[in-house]
N, C-alpha and C. Protein backbone atom coordinates (compact mmCIF):
# COMPACT_ATOMS: atom_id res chain seq x y z
N MET A 1 6.19 -16.93 3.20
CA MET A 1 7.08 -16.47 2.16
C MET A 1 6.27 -15.67 1.15
N ASN A 2 6.70 -14.49 0.87
CA ASN A 2 6.03 -13.64 -0.10
C ASN A 2 6.66 -13.81 -1.48
N THR A 3 5.82 -13.77 -2.50
CA THR A 3 6.32 -13.83 -3.87
C THR A 3 6.70 -12.43 -4.34
N GLU A 4 7.35 -12.38 -5.45
CA GLU A 4 7.63 -11.09 -6.08
C GLU A 4 6.30 -10.53 -6.60
N PRO A 5 6.17 -9.22 -6.70
CA PRO A 5 4.93 -8.65 -7.24
C PRO A 5 4.66 -9.12 -8.67
N LEU A 6 3.44 -9.53 -8.91
CA LEU A 6 3.02 -10.04 -10.21
C LEU A 6 2.05 -9.04 -10.82
N HIS A 7 2.35 -8.58 -12.02
CA HIS A 7 1.49 -7.60 -12.69
C HIS A 7 0.63 -8.32 -13.72
N VAL A 8 -0.69 -8.21 -13.55
CA VAL A 8 -1.65 -8.83 -14.46
C VAL A 8 -2.50 -7.71 -15.06
N ALA A 9 -2.65 -7.74 -16.37
CA ALA A 9 -3.42 -6.71 -17.06
C ALA A 9 -4.84 -6.66 -16.53
N GLY A 10 -5.31 -5.47 -16.20
CA GLY A 10 -6.67 -5.27 -15.73
C GLY A 10 -6.82 -5.28 -14.22
N VAL A 11 -5.83 -5.80 -13.51
CA VAL A 11 -5.89 -5.85 -12.05
C VAL A 11 -5.30 -4.55 -11.52
N ALA A 12 -5.91 -3.99 -10.49
CA ALA A 12 -5.56 -2.66 -9.98
C ALA A 12 -4.33 -2.67 -9.08
N GLY A 13 -3.25 -3.22 -9.54
CA GLY A 13 -2.02 -3.20 -8.76
C GLY A 13 -1.30 -4.54 -8.82
N PRO A 14 -0.09 -4.55 -8.32
CA PRO A 14 0.67 -5.81 -8.33
C PRO A 14 0.10 -6.81 -7.31
N ILE A 15 0.07 -8.07 -7.72
CA ILE A 15 -0.43 -9.15 -6.88
C ILE A 15 0.76 -9.77 -6.15
N VAL A 16 0.63 -9.92 -4.83
CA VAL A 16 1.65 -10.60 -4.03
C VAL A 16 0.97 -11.72 -3.28
N VAL A 17 1.54 -12.92 -3.36
CA VAL A 17 0.98 -14.08 -2.68
C VAL A 17 1.92 -14.45 -1.54
N ALA A 18 1.38 -14.56 -0.34
CA ALA A 18 2.14 -14.97 0.84
C ALA A 18 1.71 -16.39 1.18
N THR A 19 2.65 -17.33 1.07
CA THR A 19 2.33 -18.73 1.36
C THR A 19 2.94 -19.13 2.69
N LYS A 20 2.31 -20.08 3.32
CA LYS A 20 2.83 -20.65 4.56
C LYS A 20 3.85 -21.73 4.19
N ALA A 21 4.76 -22.03 5.11
CA ALA A 21 5.78 -23.02 4.81
C ALA A 21 5.18 -24.41 4.57
N PHE A 22 4.20 -24.81 5.37
CA PHE A 22 3.67 -26.16 5.24
C PHE A 22 2.16 -26.21 5.03
N PHE A 23 1.40 -25.55 5.88
CA PHE A 23 -0.05 -25.67 5.82
C PHE A 23 -0.69 -24.29 5.81
N GLY A 24 -1.94 -24.23 5.42
CA GLY A 24 -2.69 -22.98 5.48
C GLY A 24 -2.93 -22.41 4.10
N HIS A 25 -3.91 -21.54 4.04
CA HIS A 25 -4.26 -20.89 2.78
C HIS A 25 -3.31 -19.74 2.52
N PRO A 26 -2.96 -19.52 1.26
CA PRO A 26 -2.13 -18.36 0.95
C PRO A 26 -2.93 -17.07 1.13
N ALA A 27 -2.22 -16.01 1.46
CA ALA A 27 -2.83 -14.68 1.56
C ALA A 27 -2.46 -13.90 0.30
N VAL A 28 -3.43 -13.23 -0.27
CA VAL A 28 -3.21 -12.48 -1.51
C VAL A 28 -3.45 -11.01 -1.25
N THR A 29 -2.53 -10.18 -1.72
CA THR A 29 -2.72 -8.73 -1.65
C THR A 29 -2.61 -8.15 -3.05
N VAL A 30 -3.35 -7.10 -3.28
CA VAL A 30 -3.29 -6.36 -4.55
C VAL A 30 -2.94 -4.93 -4.21
N GLY A 31 -1.75 -4.50 -4.61
CA GLY A 31 -1.31 -3.15 -4.29
C GLY A 31 -1.16 -2.93 -2.80
N GLY A 32 -0.85 -3.98 -2.06
CA GLY A 32 -0.68 -3.88 -0.62
C GLY A 32 -1.95 -4.04 0.20
N VAL A 33 -3.09 -4.17 -0.47
CA VAL A 33 -4.38 -4.31 0.21
C VAL A 33 -4.80 -5.79 0.13
N PRO A 34 -5.15 -6.41 1.27
CA PRO A 34 -5.57 -7.81 1.24
C PRO A 34 -6.80 -8.03 0.37
N ALA A 35 -6.76 -9.08 -0.45
CA ALA A 35 -7.89 -9.44 -1.30
C ALA A 35 -8.82 -10.36 -0.51
N PRO A 36 -10.11 -10.07 -0.50
CA PRO A 36 -11.04 -10.94 0.23
C PRO A 36 -11.12 -12.32 -0.39
N ARG A 37 -11.23 -13.32 0.48
CA ARG A 37 -11.27 -14.71 0.05
C ARG A 37 -12.68 -15.24 0.24
N THR A 38 -13.22 -15.86 -0.81
CA THR A 38 -14.52 -16.52 -0.73
C THR A 38 -14.34 -17.95 -1.22
N GLY A 39 -14.36 -18.88 -0.28
CA GLY A 39 -14.13 -20.27 -0.64
C GLY A 39 -12.68 -20.46 -1.08
N LYS A 40 -12.51 -20.93 -2.30
CA LYS A 40 -11.16 -21.15 -2.84
C LYS A 40 -10.73 -20.01 -3.77
N ARG A 41 -11.55 -18.99 -3.87
CA ARG A 41 -11.26 -17.88 -4.79
C ARG A 41 -10.98 -16.59 -4.03
N TYR A 42 -10.30 -15.71 -4.72
CA TYR A 42 -9.98 -14.39 -4.19
C TYR A 42 -10.60 -13.36 -5.11
N ALA A 43 -11.15 -12.30 -4.53
CA ALA A 43 -11.74 -11.20 -5.30
C ALA A 43 -10.68 -10.12 -5.46
N LEU A 44 -10.16 -9.98 -6.67
CA LEU A 44 -9.12 -8.99 -6.95
C LEU A 44 -9.75 -7.75 -7.58
N PRO A 45 -9.45 -6.56 -7.05
CA PRO A 45 -10.00 -5.34 -7.63
C PRO A 45 -9.38 -5.08 -9.01
N THR A 46 -10.21 -4.56 -9.91
CA THR A 46 -9.73 -4.26 -11.26
C THR A 46 -9.54 -2.76 -11.43
N VAL A 47 -8.93 -2.40 -12.51
CA VAL A 47 -8.64 -0.99 -12.80
C VAL A 47 -9.92 -0.18 -12.96
N ASP A 48 -10.95 -0.80 -13.54
CA ASP A 48 -12.21 -0.07 -13.78
C ASP A 48 -13.14 -0.06 -12.58
N GLY A 49 -12.67 -0.50 -11.41
CA GLY A 49 -13.47 -0.47 -10.20
C GLY A 49 -14.26 -1.74 -9.93
N GLY A 50 -14.18 -2.71 -10.82
CA GLY A 50 -14.88 -3.98 -10.62
C GLY A 50 -14.03 -4.98 -9.85
N VAL A 51 -14.44 -6.21 -9.94
CA VAL A 51 -13.74 -7.29 -9.24
C VAL A 51 -13.60 -8.46 -10.20
N VAL A 52 -12.45 -9.11 -10.18
CA VAL A 52 -12.23 -10.32 -10.96
C VAL A 52 -11.86 -11.44 -9.99
N GLN A 53 -12.36 -12.64 -10.26
CA GLN A 53 -12.09 -13.79 -9.41
C GLN A 53 -10.77 -14.43 -9.80
N ALA A 54 -10.00 -14.83 -8.80
CA ALA A 54 -8.71 -15.48 -9.03
C ALA A 54 -8.59 -16.70 -8.13
N THR A 55 -7.87 -17.69 -8.61
CA THR A 55 -7.60 -18.89 -7.85
C THR A 55 -6.10 -19.03 -7.69
N VAL A 56 -5.66 -19.38 -6.49
CA VAL A 56 -4.23 -19.58 -6.22
C VAL A 56 -4.01 -21.07 -6.03
N ARG A 57 -3.07 -21.60 -6.79
CA ARG A 57 -2.72 -23.02 -6.69
C ARG A 57 -1.29 -23.15 -6.21
N VAL A 58 -1.10 -23.96 -5.16
CA VAL A 58 0.22 -24.20 -4.62
C VAL A 58 0.55 -25.66 -4.87
N ALA A 59 1.58 -25.92 -5.67
CA ALA A 59 1.99 -27.28 -5.97
C ALA A 59 2.90 -27.81 -4.87
N PHE A 60 2.87 -29.11 -4.67
CA PHE A 60 3.67 -29.76 -3.65
C PHE A 60 5.16 -29.61 -4.00
N ALA A 61 5.95 -29.18 -3.04
CA ALA A 61 7.40 -29.00 -3.18
C ALA A 61 7.77 -27.93 -4.20
N ASP A 62 6.85 -27.06 -4.53
CA ASP A 62 7.14 -25.94 -5.42
C ASP A 62 6.92 -24.66 -4.62
N PRO A 63 7.97 -23.87 -4.40
CA PRO A 63 7.82 -22.68 -3.57
C PRO A 63 7.05 -21.55 -4.23
N TYR A 64 6.78 -21.67 -5.53
CA TYR A 64 6.09 -20.61 -6.25
C TYR A 64 4.69 -21.06 -6.62
N SER A 65 3.72 -20.29 -6.24
CA SER A 65 2.33 -20.62 -6.55
C SER A 65 1.96 -20.10 -7.93
N THR A 66 0.79 -20.53 -8.39
CA THR A 66 0.25 -20.08 -9.67
C THR A 66 -1.07 -19.36 -9.40
N VAL A 67 -1.22 -18.18 -9.97
CA VAL A 67 -2.45 -17.41 -9.82
C VAL A 67 -3.20 -17.49 -11.15
N GLN A 68 -4.45 -17.94 -11.09
CA GLN A 68 -5.27 -18.05 -12.29
C GLN A 68 -6.30 -16.93 -12.28
N VAL A 69 -6.19 -16.03 -13.28
CA VAL A 69 -7.09 -14.90 -13.42
C VAL A 69 -7.72 -14.97 -14.81
N ASN A 70 -9.05 -15.02 -14.86
CA ASN A 70 -9.78 -15.10 -16.13
C ASN A 70 -9.33 -16.29 -16.98
N GLY A 71 -9.05 -17.41 -16.36
CA GLY A 71 -8.65 -18.61 -17.08
C GLY A 71 -7.20 -18.64 -17.50
N VAL A 72 -6.44 -17.60 -17.23
CA VAL A 72 -5.03 -17.54 -17.61
C VAL A 72 -4.18 -17.74 -16.35
N GLN A 73 -3.24 -18.69 -16.44
CA GLN A 73 -2.38 -18.96 -15.30
C GLN A 73 -1.13 -18.10 -15.36
N HIS A 74 -0.76 -17.54 -14.19
CA HIS A 74 0.43 -16.70 -14.06
C HIS A 74 1.27 -17.27 -12.92
N ARG A 75 2.50 -17.70 -13.23
CA ARG A 75 3.39 -18.19 -12.18
C ARG A 75 3.96 -17.00 -11.42
N THR A 76 4.12 -17.18 -10.11
CA THR A 76 4.66 -16.11 -9.28
C THR A 76 6.17 -16.19 -9.16
N GLY A 77 6.78 -17.12 -9.86
CA GLY A 77 8.23 -17.27 -9.85
C GLY A 77 8.66 -18.20 -10.96
N PRO A 78 9.96 -18.40 -11.09
CA PRO A 78 10.45 -19.25 -12.17
C PRO A 78 10.11 -20.73 -11.94
N SER A 79 10.15 -21.49 -13.01
CA SER A 79 9.92 -22.93 -12.93
C SER A 79 11.09 -23.59 -12.20
N ILE A 80 10.80 -24.55 -11.36
CA ILE A 80 11.82 -25.23 -10.56
C ILE A 80 12.10 -26.60 -11.19
N PRO A 81 13.38 -26.91 -11.48
CA PRO A 81 13.69 -28.24 -12.03
C PRO A 81 13.28 -29.36 -11.07
N VAL A 82 12.97 -30.52 -11.64
CA VAL A 82 12.47 -31.65 -10.86
C VAL A 82 13.49 -32.09 -9.81
N PHE A 83 14.78 -32.11 -10.16
CA PHE A 83 15.76 -32.59 -9.19
C PHE A 83 15.87 -31.66 -7.98
N LEU A 84 15.59 -30.37 -8.15
CA LEU A 84 15.57 -29.46 -7.00
C LEU A 84 14.33 -29.71 -6.14
N ARG A 85 13.21 -30.05 -6.78
CA ARG A 85 12.02 -30.39 -6.00
C ARG A 85 12.26 -31.64 -5.16
N ILE A 86 12.99 -32.58 -5.71
CA ILE A 86 13.33 -33.79 -4.96
C ILE A 86 14.24 -33.44 -3.79
N LEU A 87 15.23 -32.59 -4.05
CA LEU A 87 16.14 -32.19 -2.97
C LEU A 87 15.42 -31.42 -1.87
N VAL A 88 14.38 -30.67 -2.23
CA VAL A 88 13.61 -29.95 -1.22
C VAL A 88 13.03 -30.92 -0.21
N LEU A 89 12.49 -32.03 -0.68
CA LEU A 89 11.79 -32.98 0.17
C LEU A 89 12.68 -34.05 0.81
N LEU A 90 13.90 -34.16 0.37
CA LEU A 90 14.78 -35.22 0.84
C LEU A 90 14.95 -35.27 2.36
N PRO A 91 15.08 -34.15 3.07
CA PRO A 91 15.26 -34.24 4.53
C PRO A 91 14.10 -34.90 5.27
N ILE A 92 12.89 -34.85 4.72
CA ILE A 92 11.76 -35.43 5.43
C ILE A 92 11.84 -36.95 5.48
N LEU A 93 12.71 -37.54 4.66
CA LEU A 93 12.90 -38.99 4.70
C LEU A 93 13.50 -39.46 6.02
N LEU A 94 14.01 -38.53 6.83
CA LEU A 94 14.49 -38.90 8.16
C LEU A 94 13.37 -39.49 9.00
N PHE A 95 12.13 -39.19 8.65
CA PHE A 95 10.99 -39.76 9.36
C PHE A 95 11.02 -41.29 9.31
N THR A 96 11.47 -41.84 8.19
CA THR A 96 11.45 -43.30 8.03
C THR A 96 12.43 -44.00 8.96
N VAL A 97 13.52 -43.35 9.31
CA VAL A 97 14.50 -43.97 10.20
C VAL A 97 14.56 -43.31 11.56
N GLY A 98 14.05 -42.10 11.65
CA GLY A 98 14.21 -41.35 12.90
C GLY A 98 12.95 -41.08 13.67
N GLY A 99 11.83 -41.60 13.21
CA GLY A 99 10.58 -41.41 13.93
C GLY A 99 10.20 -39.94 14.07
N LEU A 100 9.64 -39.59 15.22
CA LEU A 100 9.18 -38.22 15.45
C LEU A 100 10.34 -37.23 15.44
N LEU A 101 11.44 -37.59 16.06
CA LEU A 101 12.62 -36.72 16.06
C LEU A 101 13.12 -36.50 14.64
N GLY A 102 13.18 -37.56 13.85
CA GLY A 102 13.61 -37.44 12.45
C GLY A 102 12.66 -36.57 11.65
N ALA A 103 11.36 -36.70 11.92
CA ALA A 103 10.38 -35.88 11.21
C ALA A 103 10.53 -34.40 11.55
N LEU A 104 10.77 -34.11 12.84
CA LEU A 104 10.94 -32.70 13.24
C LEU A 104 12.18 -32.09 12.62
N VAL A 105 13.30 -32.81 12.70
CA VAL A 105 14.53 -32.30 12.10
C VAL A 105 14.39 -32.23 10.58
N GLY A 106 13.75 -33.24 10.00
CA GLY A 106 13.52 -33.24 8.55
C GLY A 106 12.65 -32.09 8.09
N ALA A 107 11.62 -31.75 8.88
CA ALA A 107 10.75 -30.62 8.53
C ALA A 107 11.53 -29.31 8.54
N LEU A 108 12.44 -29.17 9.49
CA LEU A 108 13.30 -27.98 9.50
C LEU A 108 14.20 -27.95 8.26
N GLY A 109 14.69 -29.11 7.86
CA GLY A 109 15.50 -29.20 6.65
C GLY A 109 14.72 -28.84 5.40
N VAL A 110 13.46 -29.29 5.33
CA VAL A 110 12.61 -28.94 4.19
C VAL A 110 12.37 -27.43 4.16
N ALA A 111 12.11 -26.84 5.31
CA ALA A 111 11.91 -25.38 5.36
C ALA A 111 13.16 -24.64 4.91
N ALA A 112 14.33 -25.12 5.32
CA ALA A 112 15.59 -24.50 4.89
C ALA A 112 15.77 -24.65 3.38
N ASN A 113 15.45 -25.83 2.84
CA ASN A 113 15.59 -26.05 1.41
C ASN A 113 14.61 -25.21 0.60
N LEU A 114 13.41 -24.99 1.13
CA LEU A 114 12.46 -24.11 0.44
C LEU A 114 12.99 -22.68 0.38
N THR A 115 13.66 -22.26 1.45
CA THR A 115 14.26 -20.92 1.45
C THR A 115 15.38 -20.85 0.41
N ILE A 116 16.18 -21.89 0.33
CA ILE A 116 17.29 -21.91 -0.63
C ILE A 116 16.77 -21.91 -2.06
N VAL A 117 15.76 -22.73 -2.35
CA VAL A 117 15.28 -22.84 -3.72
C VAL A 117 14.64 -21.54 -4.20
N ARG A 118 14.18 -20.70 -3.27
CA ARG A 118 13.60 -19.40 -3.65
C ARG A 118 14.66 -18.31 -3.79
N SER A 119 15.89 -18.61 -3.42
CA SER A 119 16.93 -17.58 -3.48
C SER A 119 17.34 -17.31 -4.92
N ARG A 120 18.18 -16.32 -5.09
CA ARG A 120 18.62 -15.92 -6.43
C ARG A 120 19.93 -16.57 -6.85
N MET A 121 20.32 -17.63 -6.18
CA MET A 121 21.55 -18.35 -6.54
C MET A 121 21.34 -19.11 -7.86
N THR A 122 22.43 -19.51 -8.47
CA THR A 122 22.33 -20.34 -9.66
C THR A 122 21.84 -21.73 -9.26
N THR A 123 21.36 -22.48 -10.23
CA THR A 123 20.81 -23.81 -9.96
C THR A 123 21.85 -24.72 -9.34
N ALA A 124 23.08 -24.67 -9.82
CA ALA A 124 24.14 -25.54 -9.28
C ALA A 124 24.45 -25.20 -7.83
N VAL A 125 24.52 -23.92 -7.52
CA VAL A 125 24.80 -23.51 -6.14
C VAL A 125 23.63 -23.87 -5.23
N LYS A 126 22.41 -23.72 -5.73
CA LYS A 126 21.23 -24.13 -4.95
C LYS A 126 21.31 -25.62 -4.64
N ALA A 127 21.65 -26.43 -5.65
CA ALA A 127 21.72 -27.88 -5.45
C ALA A 127 22.78 -28.22 -4.41
N LEU A 128 23.94 -27.59 -4.49
CA LEU A 128 25.00 -27.86 -3.50
C LEU A 128 24.57 -27.44 -2.10
N ALA A 129 23.94 -26.29 -2.00
CA ALA A 129 23.49 -25.82 -0.69
C ALA A 129 22.42 -26.75 -0.12
N MET A 130 21.53 -27.23 -0.97
CA MET A 130 20.48 -28.11 -0.51
C MET A 130 21.03 -29.48 -0.09
N VAL A 131 22.04 -29.96 -0.80
CA VAL A 131 22.71 -31.20 -0.38
C VAL A 131 23.37 -30.98 0.98
N GLY A 132 23.96 -29.80 1.17
CA GLY A 132 24.55 -29.46 2.47
C GLY A 132 23.51 -29.47 3.58
N VAL A 133 22.31 -28.97 3.29
CA VAL A 133 21.23 -28.99 4.28
C VAL A 133 20.84 -30.44 4.60
N VAL A 134 20.77 -31.28 3.57
CA VAL A 134 20.42 -32.68 3.80
C VAL A 134 21.45 -33.35 4.70
N VAL A 135 22.73 -33.14 4.40
CA VAL A 135 23.80 -33.71 5.23
C VAL A 135 23.73 -33.12 6.64
N GLY A 136 23.50 -31.82 6.73
CA GLY A 136 23.39 -31.17 8.03
C GLY A 136 22.24 -31.70 8.86
N THR A 137 21.10 -31.96 8.23
CA THR A 137 19.96 -32.49 8.99
C THR A 137 20.25 -33.89 9.51
N VAL A 138 20.95 -34.69 8.72
CA VAL A 138 21.32 -36.03 9.18
C VAL A 138 22.27 -35.93 10.37
N ILE A 139 23.23 -35.03 10.29
CA ILE A 139 24.20 -34.85 11.38
C ILE A 139 23.49 -34.36 12.64
N VAL A 140 22.60 -33.39 12.49
CA VAL A 140 21.86 -32.87 13.65
C VAL A 140 21.00 -33.98 14.26
N TRP A 141 20.31 -34.74 13.40
CA TRP A 141 19.47 -35.83 13.90
C TRP A 141 20.30 -36.87 14.66
N LEU A 142 21.45 -37.27 14.07
CA LEU A 142 22.31 -38.24 14.75
C LEU A 142 22.83 -37.71 16.08
N THR A 143 23.22 -36.45 16.10
CA THR A 143 23.74 -35.85 17.33
C THR A 143 22.68 -35.84 18.43
N ILE A 144 21.48 -35.41 18.09
CA ILE A 144 20.41 -35.38 19.08
C ILE A 144 20.03 -36.79 19.51
N ALA A 145 19.97 -37.72 18.57
CA ALA A 145 19.60 -39.10 18.90
C ALA A 145 20.63 -39.74 19.83
N VAL A 146 21.91 -39.54 19.55
CA VAL A 146 22.97 -40.09 20.41
C VAL A 146 22.92 -39.44 21.79
N ALA A 147 22.72 -38.13 21.84
CA ALA A 147 22.64 -37.42 23.13
C ALA A 147 21.44 -37.91 23.95
N LEU A 148 20.29 -38.07 23.31
CA LEU A 148 19.11 -38.57 24.01
C LEU A 148 19.32 -40.00 24.50
N ASN A 149 19.94 -40.82 23.65
CA ASN A 149 20.21 -42.20 24.03
C ASN A 149 21.15 -42.27 25.22
N ALA A 150 22.17 -41.41 25.22
CA ALA A 150 23.13 -41.40 26.34
C ALA A 150 22.47 -40.86 27.61
N ALA A 151 21.60 -39.88 27.47
CA ALA A 151 20.93 -39.30 28.64
C ALA A 151 19.93 -40.28 29.26
N LEU A 152 19.30 -41.09 28.42
CA LEU A 152 18.30 -42.02 28.92
C LEU A 152 18.89 -43.35 29.40
N SER A 153 20.14 -43.59 29.10
CA SER A 153 20.78 -44.85 29.51
C SER A 153 21.38 -44.76 30.89
């Protein structure tokens, strides 16, 4: 998932952070050019031809990362209310009752909720859509579990 372009004073172009849905390091581009990564830092080109070090922090259940440049943190998107962060992770609770199948279906639900929370809908519509995803994941899990049980019996 790519963030909206972030403009930071002194950096030679808009910063875009591409994060993976679950695991992996984010990719950072400045003006469409990939920024080299050294350890946990990224070397961002500056307007004067130099380089400034930046750190990207990805919070758990938050679809928007934070880019720290010269000690100043810049969010790549709006702040997400706590109840939406909880709704993002709710489908993964299928793991507790559904085992591996529940975890797989729950992971798909979390990915869908991350997509919804990044959309431009209002908070209320996002919450309703995410509740719909939670209900949908439970229905899908139950359907697959019943079908597998019937096939194996």
